[in-house]
Each structure stands twice: as structure tokens, then as C-alpha cells.
Amino acid sequence: MQILITIDMEQDCPPYLSTFFGVVQGTPRVLARLKQLGIRGTFFTTGDVARRFPQVVQSIVEAGHELGCHGDSHKRFSLMSHDEAEREVRDASATLRSFGEVVSFRAPNLDFPEPFLPILSQHGYRVDSSIGRHKPGTFFAEPSRTHGLSRVPASVAPSWLRIPATLRSALLSQLRGPAVFFFHPWEFVDATDWPIPIDCRYRTGQPALDSLAATVDFFRQRGATFHTMRELAPN
């Protein structure tokens, strides 16, 4: 079974906050844990984060992880015109590719209208992970090819992985591959007192890091292989 660990690099729990404690404090913690686990992940990063915190993005690349695109401003693509969506992808791509190759894309909120898919192809993307199997209407989404893109759905919401171990193991055992897990850097900061929904702040900080490690261990014991997004794209 193929497993992918992905991190969505954005401001803290949008739209509720506009701070970046997760980027500054959470990113080093997850990088250290992934190094300990021997896992390379894909860090879907907004152009905004890359411009504000270039040293953080550089640390991701230097650690051997894949850098992906998460839009430019973290605005929902479904609220954009086609021209605005094209500008978002173009501007983010220009910023992120100053750090290295970027061929994988994930829209904020897993919200990317299908008519916009040719924009990704035109800007050199080969993989898109803007579908969620945990969202209504796409529960049964499977990997597919369209507009020259490999579309690889995310598997579960990150908060589900922070539930108690027995329940988490039961959930993980039901997943089908490739299993794509996504997290946010602010989850690895103690956000239990932040003014955000309870499912977002529940078991953040060290418990979230432990849940990530437990998820990796669950699949490693079952012979799974771990991949970055671009490794799932045809050559």
C-alpha cells in the first residue's frame, strides 16, 4: 500500500486566524519528526508563506522533502474567476519555483473547480490532490488521469488522526491506497486555547506529532511504502 504524508503550509487555521505560529514553530517540529521517522513528505505551500518565510521553505527543501503549490493567497478557487485563478497559480508557481522543482498542486480547502484543471497543466503541474475522500460528494473518489494530470485524492481529515489510538487504528484499517494524509503546521503547536473550532484545536501540539508517528508506524508494520506526490506522476 502506498502512503503519502503531506503538509499544507498556510496561516494558522484559516479563516479563523491570520497568524503564522504554525509556520514558524510547527514546521521545525514536524521536520524533526519526519527525519526521525525516515519519511520524505510533500509540503504544499502558498506563495504568501514562501514570500514571508523563505528560510522556512528553504529548510523544507534542504531536508529533502517535495515542495508543492497550495495556491498563492489561500483564497478558495471556487470564489475566483478563471483569470483570477490563473493569476493565483502563475504567481504562486513563480515564487515557489525559485526554491526548486514544483510539479504537485493542492487547492486550499480541497476546492478546485474542474474547469480550472487545464490551468495546472499549462503551468507545468503533473499531480493534483485537490479532492478529499472524506468530503460529501467525493467519498468514493479514485486516482485518475485528466488534462495531463494525475489526480490523487486525500484520504481523511487531519483531525481524524488525532482521535484515540483504538479508534484511529480502526479507521486506518479501512482505508484504501494510495492513502494520502494531510496535516497543517499549526496542528503541531499547542492550539488548545486558540479561538478555533474544537475539532481543530483538539489534541494539537505534542499529541498531534505522536499521532503522525503512530500513523506511520501503523502502516510500516503492514509493509506499506512511503512516497512523495511527484513519485505518483508518470514520467
Protein backbone atom coordinates (compact mmCIF):
# COMPACT_ATOMS: atom_id res chain seq x y z
CA MET A 1 0.00 0.00 0.00
CA GLN A 2 1.31 3.43 -0.92
CA ILE A 3 1.24 6.07 1.84
CA LEU A 4 1.80 9.80 1.41
CA ILE A 5 2.40 12.29 4.22
CA THR A 6 1.59 15.83 3.13
CA ILE A 7 1.66 19.18 4.95
CA ASP A 8 -0.40 22.21 3.89
CA MET A 9 1.70 25.29 4.63
CA GLU A 10 -0.62 28.22 5.30
CA GLN A 11 -1.60 30.69 8.02
CA ASP A 12 -2.97 29.38 11.31
CA CYS A 13 -6.35 27.64 10.88
CA PRO A 14 -7.87 29.88 8.20
CA PRO A 15 -10.34 31.58 8.05
CA TYR A 16 -10.36 31.95 11.84
CA LEU A 17 -6.84 33.35 12.30
CA SER A 18 -4.24 35.21 10.26
CA THR A 19 -1.16 34.45 12.36
CA PHE A 20 1.73 32.15 11.39
CA PHE A 21 2.74 30.43 14.62
CA GLY A 22 2.43 27.09 12.87
CA VAL A 23 4.78 28.01 10.05
CA VAL A 24 7.42 29.37 12.43
CA GLN A 25 7.08 26.96 15.36
CA GLY A 26 5.29 23.92 13.96
CA THR A 27 7.34 23.40 10.80
CA PRO A 28 10.65 22.69 12.60
CA ARG A 29 8.83 20.21 14.85
CA VAL A 30 7.31 18.24 12.00
CA LEU A 31 10.57 18.33 10.03
CA ALA A 32 12.37 16.86 13.04
CA ARG A 33 9.74 14.15 13.48
CA LEU A 34 9.78 13.20 9.78
CA LYS A 35 13.58 12.97 9.91
CA GLN A 36 13.27 10.70 12.93
CA LEU A 37 10.75 8.54 11.08
CA GLY A 38 12.81 8.46 7.89
CA ILE A 39 9.92 9.83 5.83
CA ARG A 40 10.00 12.31 2.96
CA GLY A 41 6.77 14.27 2.62
CA THR A 42 5.19 16.80 0.29
CA PHE A 43 4.79 20.32 1.66
CA PHE A 44 2.02 22.14 -0.24
CA THR A 45 2.94 25.78 0.34
CA THR A 46 1.21 29.04 -0.50
CA GLY A 47 3.14 31.70 -2.34
CA ASP A 48 2.31 34.02 0.54
CA VAL A 49 4.03 31.76 3.08
CA ALA A 50 7.08 31.39 0.82
CA ARG A 51 7.46 35.15 0.46
CA ARG A 52 7.01 35.79 4.19
CA PHE A 53 9.17 32.91 5.41
CA PRO A 54 11.67 31.97 2.70
CA GLN A 55 14.05 30.49 5.27
CA VAL A 56 11.33 28.03 6.38
CA VAL A 57 10.67 26.93 2.81
CA GLN A 58 14.40 26.56 2.20
CA SER A 59 14.66 24.33 5.26
CA ILE A 60 11.94 22.07 3.82
CA VAL A 61 13.76 21.71 0.51
CA GLU A 62 17.15 21.20 2.16
CA ALA A 63 15.67 18.40 4.27
CA GLY A 64 14.85 16.51 1.05
CA HIS A 65 11.08 16.99 1.03
CA GLU A 66 8.99 17.79 -2.02
CA LEU A 67 7.74 21.37 -2.34
CA GLY A 68 4.21 21.62 -3.77
CA CYS A 69 1.88 24.51 -4.55
CA HIS A 70 -1.08 25.44 -2.31
CA GLY A 71 -2.21 28.48 -4.28
CA ASP A 72 -0.88 31.97 -3.70
CA SER A 73 -3.17 33.63 -1.14
CA HIS A 74 -5.14 30.65 0.27
CA LYS A 75 -8.34 32.06 -1.18
CA ARG A 76 -10.90 29.46 -2.30
CA PHE A 77 -10.62 28.86 -6.03
CA SER A 78 -14.38 28.39 -6.31
CA LEU A 79 -14.72 32.10 -5.47
CA MET A 80 -12.44 33.15 -8.34
CA SER A 81 -12.94 33.90 -12.00
CA HIS A 82 -10.88 31.89 -14.46
CA ASP A 83 -8.48 34.81 -14.94
CA GLU A 84 -8.01 35.25 -11.18
CA ALA A 85 -7.39 31.52 -10.76
CA GLU A 86 -4.77 31.65 -13.49
CA ARG A 87 -3.03 34.56 -11.75
CA GLU A 88 -3.08 32.68 -8.42
CA VAL A 89 -1.41 29.65 -9.96
CA ARG A 90 1.03 31.72 -12.01
CA ASP A 91 2.14 33.93 -9.12
CA ALA A 92 2.48 31.06 -6.65
CA SER A 93 4.41 28.98 -9.17
CA ALA A 94 6.88 31.78 -9.85
CA THR A 95 7.55 32.21 -6.13
CA LEU A 96 7.80 28.53 -5.24
CA ARG A 97 9.92 27.53 -8.23
CA SER A 98 12.63 29.91 -7.09
CA PHE A 99 13.30 27.20 -4.45
CA GLY A 100 13.33 24.24 -6.86
CA GLU A 101 11.07 21.95 -8.90
CA VAL A 102 7.33 22.22 -8.18
CA VAL A 103 5.02 19.83 -10.06
CA SER A 104 2.37 18.94 -7.44
CA PHE A 105 -0.66 21.05 -6.54
CA ARG A 106 -3.34 21.09 -3.86
CA ALA A 107 -6.02 23.77 -3.70
CA PRO A 108 -6.90 25.37 -0.36
CA ASN A 109 -9.87 23.61 1.27
CA LEU A 110 -9.57 20.89 -1.42
CA ASP A 111 -11.69 23.22 -3.55
CA PHE A 112 -10.63 23.40 -7.20
CA PRO A 113 -13.34 23.63 -9.90
CA GLU A 114 -12.84 21.11 -12.69
CA PRO A 115 -12.91 23.79 -15.45
CA PHE A 116 -9.72 25.20 -13.91
CA LEU A 117 -7.73 21.95 -14.29
CA PRO A 118 -6.19 22.98 -17.66
CA ILE A 119 -4.57 25.91 -15.82
CA LEU A 120 -2.49 23.44 -13.86
CA SER A 121 -1.37 21.60 -16.97
CA GLN A 122 -0.48 24.87 -18.67
CA HIS A 123 1.74 25.81 -15.75
CA GLY A 124 3.64 22.55 -15.70
CA TYR A 125 1.87 20.62 -12.95
CA ARG A 126 1.70 16.84 -13.17
CA VAL A 127 -0.12 15.91 -9.95
CA ASP A 128 -3.21 17.36 -8.29
CA SER A 129 -4.51 16.43 -4.83
CA SER A 130 -7.50 18.77 -4.60
CA ILE A 131 -10.11 16.07 -3.91
CA GLY A 132 -10.96 14.65 -0.48
CA ARG A 133 -12.40 11.18 0.06
CA HIS A 134 -13.70 12.42 3.42
CA LYS A 135 -15.86 15.15 1.83
CA PRO A 136 -19.50 14.74 0.75
CA GLY A 137 -19.79 14.01 -2.93
CA THR A 138 -16.29 12.55 -3.28
CA PHE A 139 -16.32 9.69 -0.75
CA PHE A 140 -15.56 7.17 -3.46
CA ALA A 141 -13.07 9.20 -5.47
CA GLU A 142 -10.27 7.15 -7.01
CA PRO A 143 -6.96 8.22 -8.54
CA SER A 144 -7.48 9.29 -12.13
CA ARG A 145 -5.83 10.93 -15.13
CA THR A 146 -7.25 14.04 -16.78
CA HIS A 147 -5.84 17.07 -18.61
CA GLY A 148 -2.38 15.52 -18.34
CA LEU A 149 -2.67 15.40 -14.53
CA SER A 150 -2.58 12.53 -12.09
CA ARG A 151 -5.37 13.31 -9.59
CA VAL A 152 -4.69 11.69 -6.22
CA PRO A 153 -7.41 12.22 -3.57
CA ALA A 154 -6.64 12.98 0.06
CA SER A 155 -7.97 10.25 2.35
CA VAL A 156 -9.14 11.69 5.68
CA ALA A 157 -9.38 15.00 7.52
CA PRO A 158 -6.32 15.56 9.74
CA SER A 159 -8.35 15.88 12.93
CA TRP A 160 -9.47 12.26 12.50
CA LEU A 161 -5.89 11.10 13.06
CA ARG A 162 -5.80 12.79 16.47
CA ILE A 163 -8.58 10.59 17.87
CA PRO A 164 -7.74 7.87 20.47
CA ALA A 165 -5.44 5.11 19.25
CA THR A 166 -8.03 2.30 19.14
CA LEU A 167 -10.43 4.34 17.03
CA ARG A 168 -7.62 5.63 14.82
CA SER A 169 -6.38 2.11 14.09
CA ALA A 170 -9.91 1.01 13.19
CA LEU A 171 -10.19 3.94 10.79
CA LEU A 172 -6.78 3.39 9.20
CA SER A 173 -7.52 -0.28 8.60
CA GLN A 174 -10.45 0.70 6.37
CA LEU A 175 -8.50 3.00 4.06
CA ARG A 176 -7.62 2.03 0.51
CA GLY A 177 -4.46 3.05 -1.28
CA PRO A 178 -2.90 5.25 -2.13
CA ALA A 179 -3.64 6.71 1.32
CA VAL A 180 -2.90 10.44 1.41
CA PHE A 181 -2.74 12.13 4.79
CA PHE A 182 -2.62 15.89 5.16
CA PHE A 183 -1.67 17.99 8.14
CA HIS A 184 -1.05 21.67 8.86
CA PRO A 185 1.94 23.11 10.71
CA TRP A 186 -0.28 24.81 13.29
CA GLU A 187 -1.53 21.39 14.41
CA PHE A 188 1.96 20.74 15.80
CA VAL A 189 1.70 23.79 18.07
CA ASP A 190 -0.41 23.62 21.23
CA ALA A 191 -3.59 25.31 19.95
CA THR A 192 -5.94 24.00 22.63
CA ASP A 193 -6.71 27.53 23.86
CA TRP A 194 -6.99 29.17 20.44
CA PRO A 195 -10.37 30.65 19.35
CA ILE A 196 -10.94 27.99 16.69
CA PRO A 197 -13.41 25.07 16.40
CA ILE A 198 -12.88 22.26 18.87
CA ASP A 199 -12.06 19.67 16.20
CA CYS A 200 -9.22 21.93 15.03
CA ARG A 201 -7.69 22.57 18.46
CA TYR A 202 -8.30 19.08 19.93
CA ARG A 203 -5.06 17.20 20.78
CA THR A 204 -2.77 19.66 18.99
CA GLY A 205 0.93 20.09 19.77
CA GLN A 206 2.79 17.01 21.01
CA PRO A 207 -0.28 14.72 20.71
CA ALA A 208 -0.51 15.63 17.02
CA LEU A 209 3.16 14.76 16.49
CA ASP A 210 2.60 11.46 18.30
CA SER A 211 -0.47 10.73 16.13
CA LEU A 212 1.57 11.35 12.99
CA ALA A 213 4.24 8.91 14.20
CA ALA A 214 1.62 6.34 15.19
CA THR A 215 0.00 6.56 11.74
CA VAL A 216 3.35 5.98 10.05
CA ASP A 217 4.08 3.05 12.39
CA PHE A 218 0.65 1.50 11.74
CA PHE A 219 1.32 1.26 8.02
CA ARG A 220 5.02 0.47 8.30
CA GLN A 221 4.17 -2.62 10.33
CA ARG A 222 1.91 -3.70 7.48
CA GLY A 223 4.59 -3.39 4.81
CA ALA A 224 3.42 -0.09 3.28
CA THR A 225 5.74 2.07 1.21
CA PHE A 226 6.01 5.83 1.65
CA HIS A 227 6.07 8.29 -1.24
CA THR A 228 6.01 11.94 -2.22
CA MET A 229 3.31 13.25 -4.53
CA ARG A 230 5.53 13.65 -7.57
CA GLU A 231 6.52 9.99 -7.31
CA LEU A 232 2.93 9.08 -8.22
CA ALA A 233 3.07 11.00 -11.51
CA PRO A 234 4.02 9.18 -14.71
CA ASN A 235 7.43 10.12 -16.08
